[in-house]
Amino acid sequence: MCRALATSRSDCPLCNASAWSSHLPRLCNRFNGVPVSALAVSDGVVSTKTGDSADRGITYGELIGGKKFNVTLTGKNTDTTTGRAPLKPVQDMKNVGTSPRRDDIPAKVDGTQRWAVDMKVPGMLHARNVRPPMVGATLKAIDESSLKGVPGVVKVVSKGNYVAVVCEREEQAIRAARELKVEWTPPATKPFPPSEDLFTYMRATAPSSSSPPAVTGDVDTAILGAATTLQAQYDIPFQGHTAFGPAHALADPSNGQLTIYSNDMKSYGLRNGVAQFLKIPRETVRVVWMQGPQAYGRTAAEDAGFEAAFLAHELQRPVRLQWSRQEETAWDTKGPAYAITMRGALDAQGQVVALDFDARAADHNHVGYNEHDTVLIAQLTGQRKAEPARGRASFPSDKYAIPARRMRGSVVPLPLAWETPVRMGNLRDPDGPQVTFAAESFIDELAAAA
């Protein structure tokens, strides 16, 4: 085996270094005298192609011995990397041409699937948030005596403008959240324009940021000399996620470790963000991913994870927190609204000679993924960034060959950036539905005009 490897190649395919010697002892003990051509790899296990009964194989994990796959790729991106890997022969392919079964379907059909929303641990409590009744309101006073008739109340937790009730049972927490009397101070200014005035506001408000325009050719001259010109405006409202199930999470601080059970789509980000938010060591935070709704774009799932972790850390007991349907509809992140103006020009033969795309997005203070200073509880407790995120206004992606084209994008702010239900975040294909709807609709209008 050693001679075969030494003569066949100098670099180790596991760590991309001239260091076969670090792996050879493990290989040789298992495959002494076996040439490379007689070895096969399946599901991460190296074994002989003959399937010798004495051959139990060796895993990649055993070969690498606790080290990392330190493979350096060169080039601008994965499409331009150097090097060449041999292709697997078609007859050796196991999955191509087949219809593999999804391993999650049977449990979802027969009801045995363990969902994050169903997770339970001994001694856990149940919590519900108490949101401000008006956007931008500040907490003035809490009357805890209003919960005297509610059984099982453990604690009313508040910090800044964040309020939650924690009870022994879930139905008790739901009732407590409804009956708790909280006094709020209304905001001095309106947080955002009325729905009917939104797009007028967006077109009239000075942008908070603008992207460098993408320009090809002389758009203004082409439009001025065109046989036919066309202009249209497209208004796309905010888009809620309206997930199949409201946000939820369970946090357990037992045994000196904070374990969070969540269906958040970015478990490592949730771990990092919670550690930063609570100012505790990252190694003391563990996130267990479980099946559930919400993982479609950037949703409220991580907000619930942060809130459950905060409450569990405060009480030093396991806390399960779930948003209400109303809370989910109101306070989860929204896909940004767009006000788009487009101009186009056709020559005498009906060919498109110019296209001008100008988009304004209400994407100021775009919320990041599991950022400890942009999640909702961070905003409500005052642990937030010094400046809101700039956001962006996207351009359409298409392959139309148009001689003169200009694409411009700017972001407009709403009057209230923080502590608002109109929090901008990604849906799947961030901004794609908005700008593609406008751009393709205008192409249809140009085609009709031609």
Protein backbone atom coordinates (compact mmCIF):
# COMPACT_ATOMS: atom_id res chain seq x y z
CA MET A 1 0.00 0.00 0.00
CA CYS A 2 2.81 2.41 0.91
CA ARG A 3 4.68 1.79 -2.35
CA ALA A 4 1.49 2.11 -4.40
CA LEU A 5 0.62 5.45 -2.86
CA ALA A 6 4.13 6.81 -2.99
CA THR A 7 4.44 6.11 -6.69
CA SER A 8 0.90 7.10 -7.73
CA ARG A 9 0.78 10.61 -6.29
CA SER A 10 2.61 12.99 -3.97
CA ASP A 11 -0.31 14.89 -2.48
CA CYS A 12 -2.77 13.63 0.07
CA PRO A 13 -6.38 13.94 -1.14
CA LEU A 14 -7.50 14.42 2.47
CA CYS A 15 -5.39 17.45 3.39
CA ASN A 16 -3.89 18.53 0.03
CA ALA A 17 -0.38 18.31 1.42
CA SER A 18 2.65 16.17 0.69
CA ALA A 19 1.94 14.32 3.89
CA TRP A 20 0.75 10.85 3.04
CA SER A 21 3.04 9.72 5.83
CA SER A 22 0.59 11.08 8.43
CA HIS A 23 -2.14 8.79 7.09
CA LEU A 24 -0.08 5.80 5.93
CA PRO A 25 0.25 4.03 9.29
CA ARG A 26 -3.52 3.85 9.61
CA LEU A 27 -3.91 2.75 5.97
CA CYS A 28 -1.09 0.23 6.03
CA ASN A 29 -2.30 -1.47 9.18
CA ARG A 30 -5.62 -2.10 7.48
CA PHE A 31 -4.60 -2.58 3.82
CA ASN A 32 -1.01 -3.79 3.80
CA GLY A 33 0.10 -4.46 0.22
CA VAL A 34 -3.20 -3.45 -1.40
CA PRO A 35 -2.73 -1.15 -4.45
CA VAL A 36 -4.76 2.05 -4.77
CA SER A 37 -6.59 0.69 -7.81
CA ALA A 38 -8.05 -2.09 -5.65
CA LEU A 39 -9.59 0.32 -3.14
CA ALA A 40 -13.12 1.70 -3.21
CA VAL A 41 -14.83 4.52 -1.29
CA SER A 42 -18.49 4.38 -0.28
CA ASP A 43 -20.31 6.60 2.24
CA GLY A 44 -16.99 7.93 3.54
CA VAL A 45 -15.47 4.47 4.13
CA VAL A 46 -12.36 3.18 2.29
CA SER A 47 -12.38 -0.58 1.69
CA THR A 48 -11.19 -3.15 -0.83
CA LYS A 49 -13.23 -3.67 -4.00
CA THR A 50 -13.16 -7.41 -3.43
CA GLY A 51 -15.06 -7.03 -0.19
CA ASP A 52 -12.77 -9.29 1.84
CA SER A 53 -14.66 -10.50 4.91
CA ALA A 54 -11.76 -9.40 7.09
CA ASP A 55 -11.93 -5.89 5.65
CA ARG A 56 -14.11 -3.65 7.81
CA GLY A 57 -12.80 -0.54 6.05
CA ILE A 58 -11.45 2.71 7.41
CA THR A 59 -13.44 5.94 7.59
CA TYR A 60 -12.35 9.39 6.50
CA GLY A 61 -12.62 10.36 10.16
CA GLU A 62 -10.13 7.68 11.18
CA LEU A 63 -7.77 8.64 8.37
CA ILE A 64 -7.73 12.32 9.15
CA GLY A 65 -7.19 11.64 12.85
CA GLY A 66 -8.91 14.67 14.34
CA LYS A 67 -7.35 17.10 11.85
CA LYS A 68 -9.17 19.26 9.27
CA PHE A 69 -9.55 19.02 5.49
CA ASN A 70 -7.23 21.94 4.77
CA VAL A 71 -7.77 22.12 1.02
CA THR A 72 -6.93 25.48 -0.53
CA LEU A 73 -8.93 26.49 -3.61
CA THR A 74 -7.56 29.13 -5.96
CA GLY A 75 -9.50 31.29 -8.36
CA LYS A 76 -12.29 33.88 -8.08
CA ASN A 77 -14.97 31.34 -7.25
CA THR A 78 -15.74 27.63 -7.28
CA ASP A 79 -16.26 27.72 -11.05
CA THR A 80 -12.69 28.86 -11.74
CA THR A 81 -10.68 26.75 -9.30
CA THR A 82 -7.57 24.99 -10.52
CA GLY A 83 -6.86 21.29 -10.51
CA ARG A 84 -8.70 18.35 -12.00
CA ALA A 85 -10.43 15.49 -10.24
CA PRO A 86 -11.13 12.21 -12.03
CA LEU A 87 -14.80 11.64 -12.78
CA LYS A 88 -16.52 8.59 -11.38
CA PRO A 89 -17.45 6.07 -14.11
CA VAL A 90 -21.15 6.12 -14.92
CA GLN A 91 -21.52 2.44 -14.01
CA ASP A 92 -20.27 3.23 -10.48
CA MET A 93 -22.87 5.92 -9.81
CA LYS A 94 -25.47 4.90 -7.26
CA ASN A 95 -27.95 7.78 -7.19
CA VAL A 96 -27.98 9.23 -10.71
CA GLY A 97 -31.02 7.94 -12.57
CA THR A 98 -32.78 6.79 -9.40
CA SER A 99 -35.50 8.35 -7.24
CA PRO A 100 -34.05 8.34 -3.72
CA ARG A 101 -36.60 8.41 -0.94
CA ARG A 102 -36.60 11.34 1.47
CA ASP A 103 -35.87 10.02 4.92
CA ASP A 104 -38.17 12.56 6.60
CA ILE A 105 -41.40 11.64 4.81
CA PRO A 106 -42.40 8.41 6.65
CA ALA A 107 -42.21 10.00 10.12
CA LYS A 108 -44.18 13.03 8.92
CA VAL A 109 -46.87 10.79 7.46
CA ASP A 110 -47.30 8.42 10.42
CA GLY A 111 -47.00 11.11 13.08
CA THR A 112 -43.78 9.91 14.71
CA GLN A 113 -41.72 12.94 13.63
CA ARG A 114 -40.25 14.89 16.56
CA TRP A 115 -40.84 18.56 15.89
CA ALA A 116 -39.12 21.44 17.66
CA VAL A 117 -42.53 22.73 18.74
CA ASP A 118 -43.18 19.47 20.63
CA MET A 119 -39.85 19.37 22.49
CA LYS A 120 -40.13 18.85 26.25
CA VAL A 121 -37.60 18.60 29.09
CA PRO A 122 -38.18 17.96 32.80
CA GLY A 123 -39.19 20.99 34.85
CA MET A 124 -39.67 23.30 31.89
CA LEU A 125 -41.72 26.50 32.09
CA HIS A 126 -43.82 28.19 29.40
CA ALA A 127 -43.54 31.81 28.28
CA ARG A 128 -45.42 34.32 26.14
CA ASN A 129 -44.33 37.76 25.02
CA VAL A 130 -46.35 40.90 25.75
CA ARG A 131 -45.77 43.22 22.81
CA PRO A 132 -46.41 46.98 22.78
CA PRO A 133 -49.96 47.68 21.52
CA MET A 134 -48.66 50.48 19.30
CA VAL A 135 -45.49 50.80 17.27
CA GLY A 136 -42.75 52.80 18.93
CA ALA A 137 -44.39 52.80 22.37
CA THR A 138 -42.19 52.78 25.47
CA LEU A 139 -42.87 50.87 28.67
CA LYS A 140 -44.21 53.04 31.50
CA ALA A 141 -45.50 50.63 34.15
CA ILE A 142 -46.50 46.99 34.76
CA ASP A 143 -49.32 46.07 37.15
CA GLU A 144 -48.42 42.55 38.28
CA SER A 145 -51.44 42.48 40.59
CA SER A 146 -53.57 42.03 37.46
CA LEU A 147 -52.36 38.41 37.40
CA LYS A 148 -53.62 37.51 40.90
CA GLY A 149 -56.39 35.36 39.43
CA VAL A 150 -54.10 33.52 37.00
CA PRO A 151 -52.70 30.24 38.36
CA GLY A 152 -49.14 29.07 37.78
CA VAL A 153 -47.50 32.46 37.27
CA VAL A 154 -43.76 32.17 37.96
CA LYS A 155 -42.46 35.59 36.95
CA VAL A 156 -43.09 38.68 34.87
CA VAL A 157 -39.81 39.51 33.13
CA SER A 158 -39.11 42.94 31.68
CA LYS A 159 -36.08 44.76 30.38
CA GLY A 160 -36.31 48.00 28.45
CA ASN A 161 -39.43 47.65 26.31
CA TYR A 162 -39.39 43.84 26.35
CA VAL A 163 -42.03 42.15 28.52
CA ALA A 164 -42.80 38.43 28.93
CA VAL A 165 -44.77 36.26 31.33
CA VAL A 166 -43.46 32.87 32.48
CA CYS A 167 -45.82 30.22 33.90
CA GLU A 168 -45.85 26.57 34.84
CA ARG A 169 -48.18 25.60 31.98
CA GLU A 170 -48.69 26.87 28.45
CA GLU A 171 -52.39 27.76 28.77
CA GLN A 172 -51.51 29.74 31.90
CA ALA A 173 -48.89 31.73 30.00
CA ILE A 174 -51.38 32.46 27.21
CA ARG A 175 -53.94 33.74 29.72
CA ALA A 176 -51.34 35.73 31.68
CA ALA A 177 -50.12 37.49 28.53
CA ARG A 178 -53.71 38.55 27.76
CA GLU A 179 -54.56 39.72 31.28
CA LEU A 180 -51.35 41.45 32.31
CA LYS A 181 -51.98 45.20 32.57
CA VAL A 182 -49.13 47.16 31.04
CA GLU A 183 -49.04 50.93 30.60
CA TRP A 184 -47.28 52.21 27.50
CA THR A 185 -46.29 55.71 26.42
CA PRO A 186 -47.29 56.40 22.79
CA PRO A 187 -44.56 57.54 20.37
CA ALA A 188 -44.16 61.23 19.62
CA THR A 189 -44.21 60.70 15.85
CA LYS A 190 -45.89 58.24 13.52
CA PRO A 191 -43.60 55.25 12.86
CA PHE A 192 -44.55 54.81 9.19
CA PRO A 193 -46.96 56.27 6.62
CA PRO A 194 -50.49 54.87 6.11
CA SER A 195 -50.70 52.00 3.63
CA GLU A 196 -52.50 54.13 1.03
CA ASP A 197 -49.67 56.71 1.13
CA LEU A 198 -46.73 54.30 1.25
CA PHE A 199 -45.56 54.51 -2.36
CA THR A 200 -46.06 58.26 -2.59
CA TYR A 201 -43.93 58.53 0.54
CA MET A 202 -41.25 56.25 -0.91
CA ARG A 203 -40.94 58.25 -4.12
CA ALA A 204 -40.85 61.60 -2.31
CA THR A 205 -38.50 60.74 0.59
CA ALA A 206 -34.77 61.37 0.33
CA PRO A 207 -32.89 58.05 0.14
CA SER A 208 -30.76 56.93 3.07
CA SER A 209 -28.37 55.15 0.67
CA SER A 210 -27.93 54.45 -3.05
CA SER A 211 -26.10 51.78 -5.02
CA PRO A 212 -23.70 52.69 -7.84
CA PRO A 213 -25.74 52.56 -11.05
CA ALA A 214 -25.03 49.86 -13.62
CA VAL A 215 -24.88 51.61 -17.01
CA THR A 216 -24.40 50.35 -20.56
CA GLY A 217 -24.58 52.80 -23.48
CA ASP A 218 -26.31 56.19 -23.52
CA VAL A 219 -29.84 55.60 -22.21
CA ASP A 220 -31.09 59.20 -22.37
CA THR A 221 -29.95 59.72 -25.98
CA ALA A 222 -31.43 56.39 -27.06
CA ILE A 223 -34.79 57.23 -25.51
CA LEU A 224 -34.77 60.73 -26.99
CA GLY A 225 -34.27 59.41 -30.51
CA ALA A 226 -36.55 56.37 -30.28
CA ALA A 227 -39.61 55.73 -32.43
CA THR A 228 -41.67 54.63 -29.41
CA THR A 229 -41.17 55.25 -25.70
CA LEU A 230 -42.93 53.75 -22.73
CA GLN A 231 -42.96 54.41 -18.98
CA ALA A 232 -44.57 52.48 -16.15
CA GLN A 233 -44.54 52.34 -12.36
CA TYR A 234 -44.75 49.18 -10.28
CA ASP A 235 -45.59 49.23 -6.58
CA ILE A 236 -44.90 46.09 -4.56
CA PRO A 237 -46.06 46.05 -0.90
CA PHE A 238 -44.33 44.57 2.12
CA GLN A 239 -44.48 40.78 2.19
CA GLY A 240 -45.02 38.84 5.41
CA HIS A 241 -43.70 35.32 5.80
CA THR A 242 -46.95 34.07 7.39
CA ALA A 243 -45.29 30.76 8.23
CA PHE A 244 -47.35 27.60 8.66
CA GLY A 245 -46.53 27.60 12.38
CA PRO A 246 -45.58 30.54 14.64
CA ALA A 247 -42.05 30.92 15.97
CA HIS A 248 -41.01 28.80 18.94
CA ALA A 249 -37.97 27.55 20.83
CA LEU A 250 -37.00 25.78 24.05
CA ALA A 251 -33.92 26.80 26.04
CA ASP A 252 -32.52 24.62 28.82
CA PRO A 253 -29.77 26.01 31.12
CA SER A 254 -29.27 22.74 33.00
CA ASN A 255 -25.84 21.36 33.91
CA GLY A 256 -23.98 24.59 33.20
CA GLN A 257 -24.83 24.61 29.50
CA LEU A 258 -27.52 26.56 27.67
CA THR A 259 -29.11 24.18 25.14
CA ILE A 260 -31.56 25.64 22.63
CA TYR A 261 -33.93 23.40 20.69
CA SER A 262 -34.97 25.22 17.53
CA ASN A 263 -35.77 24.81 13.85
CA ASP A 264 -33.79 27.94 13.04
CA MET A 265 -32.14 27.58 9.63
CA LYS A 266 -28.72 28.76 10.84
CA SER A 267 -27.92 26.88 14.04
CA TYR A 268 -24.30 28.01 14.27
CA GLY A 269 -25.34 31.64 13.85
CA LEU A 270 -27.94 31.21 16.60
CA ARG A 271 -25.28 29.79 18.89
CA ASN A 272 -22.88 32.67 18.22
CA GLY A 273 -25.60 35.33 18.49
CA VAL A 274 -27.06 34.06 21.77
CA ALA A 275 -23.60 33.86 23.34
CA GLN A 276 -22.90 37.46 22.33
CA PHE A 277 -26.34 38.68 23.41
CA LEU A 278 -26.13 37.07 26.86
CA LYS A 279 -22.39 37.79 27.16
CA ILE A 280 -21.58 34.17 28.00
CA PRO A 281 -18.86 31.89 26.55
CA ARG A 282 -19.74 30.42 23.17
CA GLU A 283 -18.75 26.93 24.32
CA THR A 284 -21.50 27.02 26.96
CA VAL A 285 -24.20 27.45 24.27
CA ARG A 286 -25.48 24.46 22.31
CA VAL A 287 -28.13 24.53 19.56
CA VAL A 288 -30.03 21.38 18.64
CA TRP A 289 -31.72 21.66 15.26
CA MET A 290 -35.10 19.98 14.90
CA GLN A 291 -37.71 19.82 12.16
CA GLY A 292 -40.29 22.59 12.02
CA PRO A 293 -41.84 25.38 9.96
CA GLN A 294 -40.31 28.83 9.46
CA ALA A 295 -37.07 27.85 7.70
CA TYR A 296 -37.88 29.65 4.45
CA GLY A 297 -35.77 32.75 4.08
CA ARG A 298 -35.10 34.85 7.16
CA THR A 299 -37.97 34.31 9.60
CA ALA A 300 -38.85 34.91 13.24
CA ALA A 301 -37.50 31.53 14.39
CA GLU A 302 -34.23 32.99 15.69
CA ASP A 303 -36.12 35.78 17.49
CA ALA A 304 -37.90 33.12 19.54
CA GLY A 305 -34.60 31.32 20.14
CA PHE A 306 -33.02 34.47 21.56
CA GLU A 307 -36.09 35.18 23.72
CA ALA A 308 -36.25 31.65 25.14
CA ALA A 309 -32.51 31.77 25.85
CA PHE A 310 -32.83 35.14 27.59
CA LEU A 311 -35.68 33.94 29.81
CA ALA A 312 -34.00 30.62 30.65
CA HIS A 313 -30.81 32.47 31.51
CA GLU A 314 -32.75 34.87 33.76
CA LEU A 315 -34.72 32.18 35.60
CA GLN A 316 -32.11 29.40 35.42
CA ARG A 317 -34.86 26.98 34.45
CA PRO A 318 -35.85 25.49 31.07
CA VAL A 319 -38.24 27.82 29.24
CA ARG A 320 -40.32 27.02 26.17
CA LEU A 321 -41.51 30.12 24.31
CA GLN A 322 -43.98 30.30 21.44
CA TRP A 323 -45.29 33.28 19.54
CA SER A 324 -49.02 33.70 18.98
CA ARG A 325 -50.47 33.72 15.49
CA GLN A 326 -51.24 37.45 15.83
CA GLU A 327 -47.71 38.13 17.06
CA GLU A 328 -46.24 36.19 14.17
CA THR A 329 -48.29 38.04 11.57
CA ALA A 330 -47.45 41.43 13.05
CA TRP A 331 -43.86 41.17 14.26
CA ASP A 332 -42.00 38.72 12.03
CA THR A 333 -39.67 40.23 9.43
CA LYS A 334 -41.11 41.50 6.17
CA GLY A 335 -39.82 41.39 2.62
CA PRO A 336 -39.15 45.04 1.66
CA ALA A 337 -41.66 47.12 -0.27
CA TYR A 338 -40.54 48.48 -3.66
CA ALA A 339 -41.54 51.50 -5.73
CA ILE A 340 -40.11 50.92 -9.22
CA THR A 341 -40.18 53.25 -12.22
CA MET A 342 -39.19 51.92 -15.64
CA ARG A 343 -38.69 53.60 -19.01
CA GLY A 344 -38.09 51.83 -22.31
CA ALA A 345 -37.62 52.68 -25.97
CA LEU A 346 -38.24 50.88 -29.28
CA ASP A 347 -36.80 51.68 -32.70
CA ALA A 348 -38.88 51.74 -35.91
CA GLN A 349 -38.49 47.97 -36.30
CA GLY A 350 -39.84 47.31 -32.80
CA GLN A 351 -36.49 46.37 -31.27
CA VAL A 352 -35.77 47.41 -27.69
CA VAL A 353 -32.98 49.99 -27.80
CA ALA A 354 -33.05 51.36 -24.24
CA LEU A 355 -34.18 50.33 -20.77
CA ASP A 356 -34.07 52.46 -17.63
CA PHE A 357 -34.73 50.71 -14.26
CA ASP A 358 -35.05 52.86 -11.14
CA ALA A 359 -35.98 51.13 -7.87
CA ARG A 360 -36.63 52.45 -4.40
CA ALA A 361 -36.76 49.90 -1.59
CA ALA A 362 -38.02 50.37 1.96
CA ASP A 363 -35.14 48.24 3.21
CA HIS A 364 -33.48 50.60 5.70
CA ASN A 365 -32.34 48.72 8.85
CA HIS A 366 -32.37 45.30 7.19
CA VAL A 367 -32.21 42.66 9.93
CA GLY A 368 -29.34 40.18 9.75
CA TYR A 369 -29.27 36.46 10.44
CA ASN A 370 -29.08 35.85 14.20
CA GLU A 371 -27.25 39.11 14.81
CA HIS A 372 -27.19 39.73 18.54
CA ASP A 373 -27.82 43.44 18.08
CA THR A 374 -30.58 43.36 15.44
CA VAL A 375 -32.95 40.60 16.64
CA LEU A 376 -36.21 41.95 18.05
CA ILE A 377 -35.41 41.38 21.74
CA ALA A 378 -32.11 43.25 21.29
CA GLN A 379 -33.97 46.21 19.82
CA LEU A 380 -36.59 46.18 22.59
CA THR A 381 -33.99 45.91 25.37
CA GLY A 382 -31.81 48.64 23.85
CA GLN A 383 -28.89 46.40 22.83
CA ARG A 384 -28.73 47.52 19.25
CA LYS A 385 -26.32 48.83 16.66
CA ALA A 386 -25.23 52.46 16.71
CA GLU A 387 -26.50 52.84 13.14
CA PRO A 388 -29.15 50.85 11.25
CA ALA A 389 -28.02 48.65 8.38
CA ARG A 390 -28.05 50.45 5.02
CA GLY A 391 -30.11 47.79 3.26
CA ARG A 392 -30.17 47.53 -0.50
CA ALA A 393 -32.28 47.86 -3.62
CA SER A 394 -31.71 44.94 -5.97
CA PHE A 395 -31.49 44.89 -9.76
CA PRO A 396 -33.25 42.32 -11.94
CA SER A 397 -31.23 39.40 -13.28
CA ASP A 398 -31.89 38.79 -16.97
CA LYS A 399 -30.05 38.08 -20.22
CA TYR A 400 -31.75 40.54 -22.55
CA ALA A 401 -29.38 42.10 -25.09
CA ILE A 402 -30.33 45.78 -24.88
CA PRO A 403 -27.79 48.29 -26.28
CA ALA A 404 -28.48 51.05 -23.75
CA ARG A 405 -29.40 50.14 -20.20
CA ARG A 406 -29.27 51.86 -16.84
CA MET A 407 -30.16 50.28 -13.50
CA ARG A 408 -30.39 52.43 -10.38
CA GLY A 409 -31.36 51.50 -6.84
CA SER A 410 -31.80 53.41 -3.59
CA VAL A 411 -33.10 52.72 -0.12
CA VAL A 412 -35.60 54.99 1.64
CA PRO A 413 -35.98 55.05 5.43
CA LEU A 414 -39.22 54.85 7.36
CA PRO A 415 -39.70 57.38 10.18
CA LEU A 416 -39.02 54.68 12.81
CA ALA A 417 -36.08 52.31 12.31
CA TRP A 418 -36.08 50.41 15.62
CA GLU A 419 -38.65 48.44 17.65
CA THR A 420 -41.12 48.22 14.79
CA PRO A 421 -43.02 45.30 13.24
CA VAL A 422 -41.98 46.62 9.82
CA ARG A 423 -38.56 44.99 10.12
CA MET A 424 -36.95 44.22 6.79
CA GLY A 425 -35.55 40.74 6.21
CA ASN A 426 -35.04 38.18 3.47
CA LEU A 427 -37.70 36.00 2.01
CA ARG A 428 -36.38 33.18 -0.15
CA ASP A 429 -34.63 34.71 -3.19
CA PRO A 430 -34.15 38.07 -1.43
CA ASP A 431 -35.84 40.85 -3.46
CA GLY A 432 -36.14 38.58 -6.50
CA PRO A 433 -39.96 38.44 -6.60
CA GLN A 434 -40.28 42.22 -6.35
CA VAL A 435 -37.79 43.32 -8.99
CA THR A 436 -38.45 40.39 -11.35
CA PHE A 437 -42.20 41.09 -11.31
CA ALA A 438 -41.60 44.70 -12.34
CA ALA A 439 -38.87 44.01 -14.90
CA GLU A 440 -40.62 41.13 -16.67
CA SER A 441 -43.97 42.92 -16.65
CA PHE A 442 -42.37 45.90 -18.35
CA ILE A 443 -40.76 43.66 -20.97
CA ASP A 444 -44.28 42.34 -21.67
CA GLU A 445 -45.52 45.92 -22.04
CA LEU A 446 -42.69 46.72 -24.47
CA ALA A 447 -43.56 43.57 -26.45
CA ALA A 448 -47.20 44.63 -26.60
CA ALA A 449 -46.18 48.10 -27.77
CA ALA A 450 -44.01 46.56 -30.48
